[in-house]
Amino acid sequence: MGSLDPDLVGAILGPLLGIPGVIVFTALIIRFKLKKKELEMRGSDHELGPVVDALRDDVDDTRAQLAEVQERLDFAERLLSAGRASQEDRGR
């Protein structure tokens, strides 16, 4: 699997997820890469299973958090759009 550049991921996901989501996602990628490097240096395969399971759990949690952030962002955008529309209607 190819290496993900955190800056590229942030540039792509930034407009979609907002700054908090990108920060969490980038931190998760960095954590994953550091843990992978640590395990490669140790070279013990029997320890890899629990670590991978923990990282998968972290990824699942992060996905849930990002979904919640996206929902909140969508809601805020709808509120702002509705407020602008009502202000335009009052101005006419």
Protein backbone atom coordinates (compact mmCIF):
# COMPACT_ATOMS: atom_id res chain seq x y z
CA MET A 1 0.00 0.00 0.00
CA GLY A 2 1.32 3.47 -0.86
CA SER A 3 2.19 6.09 1.65
CA LEU A 4 -0.34 8.81 2.39
CA ASP A 5 1.00 12.31 2.60
CA PRO A 6 -0.78 14.04 5.53
CA ASP A 7 -0.54 17.41 3.77
CA LEU A 8 -2.23 16.01 0.66
CA VAL A 9 -4.92 14.33 2.75
CA GLY A 10 -5.51 17.61 4.57
CA ALA A 11 -5.72 19.56 1.32
CA ILE A 12 -8.29 17.16 -0.08
CA LEU A 13 -10.39 16.62 3.04
CA GLY A 14 -10.12 20.16 4.44
CA PRO A 15 -12.99 21.67 2.50
CA LEU A 16 -15.12 18.59 3.09
CA LEU A 17 -14.61 18.00 6.79
CA GLY A 18 -13.58 21.29 8.25
CA ILE A 19 -10.44 22.03 10.19
CA PRO A 20 -11.23 19.89 13.29
CA GLY A 21 -11.86 16.81 11.20
CA VAL A 22 -8.68 17.25 9.22
CA ILE A 23 -6.63 17.71 12.37
CA VAL A 24 -8.02 14.52 13.90
CA PHE A 25 -7.60 12.57 10.66
CA THR A 26 -4.03 13.79 10.12
CA ALA A 27 -3.12 13.01 13.73
CA LEU A 28 -4.49 9.50 13.29
CA ILE A 29 -2.42 8.94 10.15
CA ILE A 30 0.72 10.18 11.89
CA ARG A 31 0.03 7.97 14.91
CA PHE A 32 -0.50 4.97 12.65
CA LYS A 33 2.77 5.59 10.78
CA LEU A 34 4.71 5.98 14.03
CA LYS A 35 3.26 2.82 15.51
CA LYS A 36 3.95 0.90 12.29
CA LYS A 37 7.56 2.11 12.31
CA GLU A 38 7.93 1.12 15.96
CA LEU A 39 6.65 -2.39 15.25
CA GLU A 40 8.92 -2.76 12.22
CA MET A 41 11.90 -1.86 14.38
CA ARG A 42 10.93 -4.40 17.04
CA GLY A 43 10.16 -7.09 14.48
CA SER A 44 7.80 -9.08 16.70
CA ASP A 45 4.85 -10.41 14.75
CA HIS A 46 2.96 -11.83 17.74
CA GLU A 47 2.45 -8.30 19.10
CA LEU A 48 1.14 -6.97 15.81
CA GLY A 49 -2.39 -8.39 16.11
CA PRO A 50 -3.53 -6.46 19.21
CA VAL A 51 -1.92 -3.25 17.96
CA VAL A 52 -3.66 -3.53 14.59
CA ASP A 53 -6.96 -4.19 16.37
CA ALA A 54 -6.45 -1.12 18.55
CA LEU A 55 -5.61 1.01 15.52
CA ARG A 56 -8.71 -0.28 13.72
CA ASP A 57 -10.80 0.70 16.73
CA ASP A 58 -9.20 4.15 16.65
CA VAL A 59 -9.96 4.48 12.94
CA ASP A 60 -13.59 3.45 13.53
CA ASP A 61 -13.90 6.00 16.35
CA THR A 62 -12.33 8.69 14.19
CA ARG A 63 -14.70 7.92 11.32
CA ALA A 64 -17.65 8.26 13.68
CA GLN A 65 -16.30 11.57 14.98
CA LEU A 66 -15.72 12.85 11.46
CA ALA A 67 -19.25 11.86 10.46
CA GLU A 68 -20.57 13.82 13.43
CA VAL A 69 -18.42 16.84 12.52
CA GLN A 70 -19.72 16.67 8.94
CA GLU A 71 -23.32 16.53 10.15
CA ARG A 72 -22.75 19.53 12.41
CA LEU A 73 -21.08 21.43 9.57
CA ASP A 74 -23.98 20.66 7.22
CA PHE A 75 -26.45 21.78 9.88
CA ALA A 76 -24.55 25.03 10.49
CA GLU A 77 -24.41 25.71 6.75
CA ARG A 78 -28.18 25.17 6.46
CA LEU A 79 -28.81 27.54 9.37
CA LEU A 80 -26.57 30.20 7.85
CA SER A 81 -28.22 29.81 4.45
CA ALA A 82 -31.68 30.06 5.99
CA GLY A 83 -30.65 33.16 7.96
CA ARG A 84 -29.27 34.86 4.86
CA ALA A 85 -32.40 34.04 2.89
CA SER A 86 -34.66 35.47 5.57
CA GLN A 87 -32.55 38.64 5.79
CA GLU A 88 -32.77 39.06 2.02
CA ASP A 89 -36.54 38.63 2.18
CA ARG A 90 -36.80 41.32 4.88
CA GLY A 91 -34.66 43.69 2.84
CA ARG A 92 -37.01 43.56 -0.13
